Amino acid sequence: MFELFRNKLFLVFLLIINFCAGIYSISYYFSQLEQSHWFFWLFIIDCPLYAILFGINIFLFLIDKPSEALSFISIVGNFKYGLWTIFVLTIAGLAGAQWFFVLSHILLVIETIVLAGLFAFKVKHVLLAFLWFIVNDFIDYFLGMHPFVFEGFLFYSMSFALASTIILPFLLSIIFSSKDKVVLPLRAKSRKRWAKSI
């Protein structure tokens, strides 16, 4: 199966899917964006932002100009908000009624797992991701910029978000640094793993 992810045309297809899905999904946040200062917009459009960033990372990989910091932040972001959305819908008892949203976020997480082998990162990028999502959670839950949460579930959604910010950057760095990197035929050699290039 992994041969498929060495295919440039397939990666271009995933790039387009991520861009289109991310841009379309921003429409779900229009009412909140209209009521918020533009400075906070990047912190409001959580899932769309990281889908778009993941698409950008695929593009940068294809032109051999990858951004290690951006790639790791998008990996953590896709995991964090993909799982967060599934969690919030499940505890609210709406996972069945909102099955399309659940499925789309499951696919987002699966895509990230499979394609993580494209990207390299260093220890400093893990710390940067940790700090970025700490700031994001602060803006979401202490400045009130979090996505819509059903009444009575704010504490649980905040707890899940904070726990994933603390755990995911370090857990994913361990998991993905131990995986072999995918190499396209046009690339001469794979990238160094973060543990070897602090």
C-alpha atoms as a PDB file:
ATOM      1  CA  MET A   1       0.000   0.000   0.000  1.00  0.00           C
ATOM      2  CA  PHE A   2       2.816   2.410   0.800  1.00  0.00           C
ATOM      3  CA  GLU A   3       3.895   2.329  -2.858  1.00  0.00           C
ATOM      4  CA  LEU A   4       0.812   4.442  -3.502  1.00  0.00           C
ATOM      5  CA  PHE A   5       2.241   7.233  -1.378  1.00  0.00           C
ATOM      6  CA  ARG A   6       5.360   7.344  -3.541  1.00  0.00           C
ATOM      7  CA  ASN A   7       3.160   8.246  -6.487  1.00  0.00           C
ATOM      8  CA  LYS A   8       3.349  11.975  -7.259  1.00  0.00           C
ATOM      9  CA  LEU A   9      -0.083  12.112  -8.900  1.00  0.00           C
ATOM     10  CA  PHE A  10      -1.712  10.556  -5.850  1.00  0.00           C
ATOM     11  CA  LEU A  11       0.017  13.053  -3.567  1.00  0.00           C
ATOM     12  CA  VAL A  12      -1.180  15.908  -5.796  1.00  0.00           C
ATOM     13  CA  PHE A  13      -4.705  14.483  -5.487  1.00  0.00           C
ATOM     14  CA  LEU A  14      -4.435  14.487  -1.674  1.00  0.00           C
ATOM     15  CA  LEU A  15      -3.011  18.005  -1.787  1.00  0.00           C
ATOM     16  CA  ILE A  16      -6.087  19.221  -3.709  1.00  0.00           C
ATOM     17  CA  ILE A  17      -8.468  17.331  -1.397  1.00  0.00           C
ATOM     18  CA  ASN A  18      -6.893  18.916   1.688  1.00  0.00           C
ATOM     19  CA  PHE A  19      -7.030  22.410   0.209  1.00  0.00           C
ATOM     20  CA  CYS A  20     -10.626  22.092  -0.962  1.00  0.00           C
ATOM     21  CA  ALA A  21     -11.859  20.466   2.265  1.00  0.00           C
ATOM     22  CA  GLY A  22     -10.052  23.038   4.398  1.00  0.00           C
ATOM     23  CA  ILE A  23     -11.306  26.053   2.461  1.00  0.00           C
ATOM     24  CA  TYR A  24     -14.865  24.714   2.329  1.00  0.00           C
ATOM     25  CA  SER A  25     -14.855  23.947   6.067  1.00  0.00           C
ATOM     26  CA  ILE A  26     -14.048  27.568   6.904  1.00  0.00           C
ATOM     27  CA  SER A  27     -17.675  28.336   6.005  1.00  0.00           C
ATOM     28  CA  TYR A  28     -18.759  26.610   9.244  1.00  0.00           C
ATOM     29  CA  TYR A  29     -16.926  29.334  11.179  1.00  0.00           C
ATOM     30  CA  PHE A  30     -18.240  32.396   9.294  1.00  0.00           C
ATOM     31  CA  SER A  31     -20.560  33.589  12.067  1.00  0.00           C
ATOM     32  CA  GLN A  32     -17.816  33.288  14.675  1.00  0.00           C
ATOM     33  CA  LEU A  33     -15.255  34.990  12.420  1.00  0.00           C
ATOM     34  CA  GLU A  34     -17.609  37.910  11.843  1.00  0.00           C
ATOM     35  CA  GLN A  35     -17.845  38.479  15.592  1.00  0.00           C
ATOM     36  CA  SER A  36     -14.098  38.178  16.249  1.00  0.00           C
ATOM     37  CA  HIS A  37     -11.095  40.389  15.583  1.00  0.00           C
ATOM     38  CA  TRP A  38      -9.097  39.310  12.525  1.00  0.00           C
ATOM     39  CA  PHE A  39      -6.086  38.704  14.797  1.00  0.00           C
ATOM     40  CA  PHE A  40      -7.810  35.613  16.228  1.00  0.00           C
ATOM     41  CA  TRP A  41      -8.994  34.099  12.947  1.00  0.00           C
ATOM     42  CA  LEU A  42      -6.137  31.607  12.634  1.00  0.00           C
ATOM     43  CA  PHE A  43      -6.925  30.334  16.128  1.00  0.00           C
ATOM     44  CA  ILE A  44     -10.631  29.935  15.363  1.00  0.00           C
ATOM     45  CA  ILE A  45     -10.568  27.864  12.155  1.00  0.00           C
ATOM     46  CA  ASP A  46      -8.892  24.859  13.783  1.00  0.00           C
ATOM     47  CA  CYS A  47      -9.584  21.829  11.549  1.00  0.00           C
ATOM     48  CA  PRO A  48      -9.694  23.794   8.271  1.00  0.00           C
ATOM     49  CA  LEU A  49      -6.376  25.462   9.094  1.00  0.00           C
ATOM     50  CA  TYR A  50      -4.504  22.218   9.680  1.00  0.00           C
ATOM     51  CA  ALA A  51      -6.032  20.506   6.655  1.00  0.00           C
ATOM     52  CA  ILE A  52      -4.805  23.410   4.521  1.00  0.00           C
ATOM     53  CA  LEU A  53      -1.387  23.362   6.200  1.00  0.00           C
ATOM     54  CA  PHE A  54      -1.128  19.631   5.570  1.00  0.00           C
ATOM     55  CA  GLY A  55      -1.866  20.269   1.897  1.00  0.00           C
ATOM     56  CA  ILE A  56       0.822  22.969   1.838  1.00  0.00           C
ATOM     57  CA  ASN A  57       3.276  20.515   3.367  1.00  0.00           C
ATOM     58  CA  ILE A  58       2.544  17.926   0.687  1.00  0.00           C
ATOM     59  CA  PHE A  59       3.163  20.620  -1.940  1.00  0.00           C
ATOM     60  CA  LEU A  60       6.452  21.671  -0.316  1.00  0.00           C
ATOM     61  CA  PHE A  61       7.508  18.032  -0.151  1.00  0.00           C
ATOM     62  CA  LEU A  62       6.754  17.545  -3.848  1.00  0.00           C
ATOM     63  CA  ILE A  63       8.908  20.534  -4.843  1.00  0.00           C
ATOM     64  CA  ASP A  64      11.654  19.386  -2.448  1.00  0.00           C
ATOM     65  CA  LYS A  65      11.372  22.432  -0.166  1.00  0.00           C
ATOM     66  CA  PRO A  66       9.814  20.950   2.990  1.00  0.00           C
ATOM     67  CA  SER A  67       9.262  22.978   6.138  1.00  0.00           C
ATOM     68  CA  GLU A  68      10.018  20.827   9.162  1.00  0.00           C
ATOM     69  CA  ALA A  69       8.332  23.170  11.648  1.00  0.00           C
ATOM     70  CA  LEU A  70       5.201  23.584   9.559  1.00  0.00           C
ATOM     71  CA  SER A  71       4.935  19.857   8.857  1.00  0.00           C
ATOM     72  CA  PHE A  72       5.091  18.837  12.507  1.00  0.00           C
ATOM     73  CA  ILE A  73       2.634  21.521  13.608  1.00  0.00           C
ATOM     74  CA  SER A  74       0.177  20.351  10.932  1.00  0.00           C
ATOM     75  CA  ILE A  75       0.613  16.708  11.984  1.00  0.00           C
ATOM     76  CA  VAL A  76      -0.167  17.538  15.618  1.00  0.00           C
ATOM     77  CA  GLY A  77      -2.995  19.873  14.583  1.00  0.00           C
ATOM     78  CA  ASN A  78      -4.707  17.246  12.429  1.00  0.00           C
ATOM     79  CA  PHE A  79      -4.505  14.721  15.247  1.00  0.00           C
ATOM     80  CA  LYS A  80      -5.574  17.146  17.957  1.00  0.00           C
ATOM     81  CA  TYR A  81      -8.590  18.653  16.242  1.00  0.00           C
ATOM     82  CA  GLY A  82      -9.555  15.528  14.343  1.00  0.00           C
ATOM     83  CA  LEU A  83      -9.789  13.593  17.609  1.00  0.00           C
ATOM     84  CA  TRP A  84     -11.270  16.586  19.458  1.00  0.00           C
ATOM     85  CA  THR A  85     -14.166  16.845  17.004  1.00  0.00           C
ATOM     86  CA  ILE A  86     -14.886  13.122  17.239  1.00  0.00           C
ATOM     87  CA  PHE A  87     -14.716  13.300  21.044  1.00  0.00           C
ATOM     88  CA  VAL A  88     -17.065  16.311  21.332  1.00  0.00           C
ATOM     89  CA  LEU A  89     -19.659  14.816  18.986  1.00  0.00           C
ATOM     90  CA  THR A  90     -19.469  11.448  20.768  1.00  0.00           C
ATOM     91  CA  ILE A  91     -19.937  12.748  24.318  1.00  0.00           C
ATOM     92  CA  ALA A  92     -22.800  14.938  23.093  1.00  0.00           C
ATOM     93  CA  GLY A  93     -24.476  11.814  21.661  1.00  0.00           C
ATOM     94  CA  LEU A  94     -24.375  13.183  18.116  1.00  0.00           C
ATOM     95  CA  ALA A  95     -21.766  10.918  16.524  1.00  0.00           C
ATOM     96  CA  GLY A  96     -24.458   8.926  14.726  1.00  0.00           C
ATOM     97  CA  ALA A  97     -26.437  11.922  13.500  1.00  0.00           C
ATOM     98  CA  GLN A  98     -23.253  13.716  12.459  1.00  0.00           C
ATOM     99  CA  TRP A  99     -21.643  10.608  10.962  1.00  0.00           C
ATOM    100  CA  PHE A 100     -20.223  12.524   7.985  1.00  0.00           C
ATOM    101  CA  PHE A 101     -18.244  14.862  10.254  1.00  0.00           C
ATOM    102  CA  VAL A 102     -17.013  11.912  12.316  1.00  0.00           C
ATOM    103  CA  LEU A 103     -15.972  10.003   9.194  1.00  0.00           C
ATOM    104  CA  SER A 104     -14.219  13.006   7.634  1.00  0.00           C
ATOM    105  CA  HIS A 105     -12.205  13.606  10.808  1.00  0.00           C
ATOM    106  CA  ILE A 106     -11.323   9.919  11.109  1.00  0.00           C
ATOM    107  CA  LEU A 107     -10.006  10.082   7.523  1.00  0.00           C
ATOM    108  CA  LEU A 108      -8.050  13.220   8.423  1.00  0.00           C
ATOM    109  CA  VAL A 109      -6.311  11.373  11.252  1.00  0.00           C
ATOM    110  CA  ILE A 110      -5.675   8.265   9.117  1.00  0.00           C
ATOM    111  CA  GLU A 111      -4.220  10.387   6.315  1.00  0.00           C
ATOM    112  CA  THR A 112      -1.891  12.044   8.792  1.00  0.00           C
ATOM    113  CA  ILE A 113      -0.720   8.699  10.183  1.00  0.00           C
ATOM    114  CA  VAL A 114       0.023   7.320   6.731  1.00  0.00           C
ATOM    115  CA  LEU A 115       1.663  10.439   5.302  1.00  0.00           C
ATOM    116  CA  ALA A 116       3.681  11.325   8.395  1.00  0.00           C
ATOM    117  CA  GLY A 117       6.518   9.339   6.849  1.00  0.00           C
ATOM    118  CA  LEU A 118       6.924  12.085   4.260  1.00  0.00           C
ATOM    119  CA  PHE A 119       8.085  14.629   6.784  1.00  0.00           C
ATOM    120  CA  ALA A 120      11.117  15.065   8.991  1.00  0.00           C
ATOM    121  CA  PHE A 121      11.336  17.172  12.150  1.00  0.00           C
ATOM    122  CA  LYS A 122      13.661  18.049  15.007  1.00  0.00           C
ATOM    123  CA  VAL A 123      13.357  18.378  18.770  1.00  0.00           C
ATOM    124  CA  LYS A 124      12.962  22.164  18.492  1.00  0.00           C
ATOM    125  CA  HIS A 125       9.931  21.636  16.256  1.00  0.00           C
ATOM    126  CA  VAL A 126       8.322  19.417  18.884  1.00  0.00           C
ATOM    127  CA  LEU A 127       8.784  22.154  21.478  1.00  0.00           C
ATOM    128  CA  LEU A 128       7.529  24.783  19.040  1.00  0.00           C
ATOM    129  CA  ALA A 129       4.367  22.733  18.395  1.00  0.00           C
ATOM    130  CA  PHE A 130       3.823  22.338  22.141  1.00  0.00           C
ATOM    131  CA  LEU A 131       4.079  26.105  22.694  1.00  0.00           C
ATOM    132  CA  TRP A 132       1.888  26.880  19.673  1.00  0.00           C
ATOM    133  CA  PHE A 133      -0.962  24.688  20.901  1.00  0.00           C
ATOM    134  CA  ILE A 134      -0.641  25.949  24.478  1.00  0.00           C
ATOM    135  CA  VAL A 135      -1.191  29.466  23.102  1.00  0.00           C
ATOM    136  CA  ASN A 136      -4.037  28.169  20.940  1.00  0.00           C
ATOM    137  CA  ASP A 137      -5.768  26.549  23.921  1.00  0.00           C
ATOM    138  CA  PHE A 138      -5.326  29.697  26.004  1.00  0.00           C
ATOM    139  CA  ILE A 139      -6.968  31.809  23.296  1.00  0.00           C
ATOM    140  CA  ASP A 140      -9.718  29.216  22.817  1.00  0.00           C
ATOM    141  CA  TYR A 141     -10.715  28.596  26.421  1.00  0.00           C
ATOM    142  CA  PHE A 142      -9.538  31.624  28.368  1.00  0.00           C
ATOM    143  CA  LEU A 143     -10.318  34.291  25.779  1.00  0.00           C
ATOM    144  CA  GLY A 144     -13.471  32.534  24.584  1.00  0.00           C
ATOM    145  CA  MET A 145     -12.432  31.829  20.977  1.00  0.00           C
ATOM    146  CA  HIS A 146     -13.130  28.084  21.033  1.00  0.00           C
ATOM    147  CA  PRO A 147     -15.439  26.521  18.423  1.00  0.00           C
ATOM    148  CA  PHE A 148     -19.084  26.009  19.299  1.00  0.00           C
ATOM    149  CA  VAL A 149     -19.482  23.444  22.088  1.00  0.00           C
ATOM    150  CA  PHE A 150     -22.829  22.040  23.213  1.00  0.00           C
ATOM    151  CA  GLU A 151     -24.052  23.344  26.556  1.00  0.00           C
ATOM    152  CA  GLY A 152     -22.689  21.377  29.499  1.00  0.00           C
ATOM    153  CA  PHE A 153     -19.701  19.961  27.609  1.00  0.00           C
ATOM    154  CA  LEU A 154     -17.255  22.887  27.690  1.00  0.00           C
ATOM    155  CA  PHE A 155     -15.244  21.480  30.602  1.00  0.00           C
ATOM    156  CA  TYR A 156     -14.822  18.125  28.868  1.00  0.00           C
ATOM    157  CA  SER A 157     -13.866  19.665  25.546  1.00  0.00           C
ATOM    158  CA  MET A 158     -11.351  21.960  27.254  1.00  0.00           C
ATOM    159  CA  SER A 159      -9.875  19.075  29.253  1.00  0.00           C
ATOM    160  CA  PHE A 160      -9.492  16.986  26.097  1.00  0.00           C
ATOM    161  CA  ALA A 161      -7.863  19.886  24.241  1.00  0.00           C
ATOM    162  CA  LEU A 162      -5.387  20.622  27.049  1.00  0.00           C
ATOM    163  CA  ALA A 163      -4.526  16.938  27.544  1.00  0.00           C
ATOM    164  CA  SER A 164      -3.902  16.465  23.826  1.00  0.00           C
ATOM    165  CA  THR A 165      -1.685  19.561  23.747  1.00  0.00           C
ATOM    166  CA  ILE A 166       0.430  18.154  26.567  1.00  0.00           C
ATOM    167  CA  ILE A 167       0.597  14.586  25.239  1.00  0.00           C
ATOM    168  CA  LEU A 168       0.418  14.636  21.431  1.00  0.00           C
ATOM    169  CA  PRO A 169       3.536  16.621  20.424  1.00  0.00           C
ATOM    170  CA  PHE A 170       5.801  14.349  22.435  1.00  0.00           C
ATOM    171  CA  LEU A 171       3.945  11.097  21.763  1.00  0.00           C
ATOM    172  CA  LEU A 172       3.768  11.690  18.010  1.00  0.00           C
ATOM    173  CA  SER A 173       7.413  12.725  17.868  1.00  0.00           C
ATOM    174  CA  ILE A 174       8.376   9.368  19.400  1.00  0.00           C
ATOM    175  CA  ILE A 175       6.080   7.367  17.127  1.00  0.00           C
ATOM    176  CA  PHE A 176       6.926   9.109  13.865  1.00  0.00           C
ATOM    177  CA  SER A 177      10.650   9.514  14.469  1.00  0.00           C
ATOM    178  CA  SER A 178      10.876   5.705  14.655  1.00  0.00           C
ATOM    179  CA  LYS A 179       9.158   5.225  11.278  1.00  0.00           C
ATOM    180  CA  ASP A 180      11.050   4.912   8.017  1.00  0.00           C
ATOM    181  CA  LYS A 181      10.622   7.967   5.838  1.00  0.00           C
ATOM    182  CA  VAL A 182       8.891   7.648   2.482  1.00  0.00           C
ATOM    183  CA  VAL A 183      11.148   8.517  -0.439  1.00  0.00           C
ATOM    184  CA  LEU A 184       9.818   9.484  -3.836  1.00  0.00           C
ATOM    185  CA  PRO A 185      11.767   8.247  -6.879  1.00  0.00           C
ATOM    186  CA  LEU A 186      12.820  11.824  -7.641  1.00  0.00           C
ATOM    187  CA  ARG A 187      14.421  12.243  -4.219  1.00  0.00           C
ATOM    188  CA  ALA A 188      17.984  11.103  -3.789  1.00  0.00           C
ATOM    189  CA  LYS A 189      17.746  10.231  -0.102  1.00  0.00           C
ATOM    190  CA  SER A 190      15.464  10.450   2.872  1.00  0.00           C
ATOM    191  CA  ARG A 191      15.621  13.141   5.513  1.00  0.00           C
ATOM    192  CA  LYS A 192      17.370  12.727   8.839  1.00  0.00           C
ATOM    193  CA  ARG A 193      15.261  11.897  11.819  1.00  0.00           C
ATOM    194  CA  TRP A 194      14.736  14.562  14.439  1.00  0.00           C
ATOM    195  CA  ALA A 195      16.564  12.614  17.131  1.00  0.00           C
ATOM    196  CA  LYS A 196      19.743  12.750  15.041  1.00  0.00           C
ATOM    197  CA  SER A 197      19.531  16.413  14.150  1.00  0.00           C
ATOM    198  CA  ILE A 198      18.723  18.534  17.171  1.00  0.00           C
END
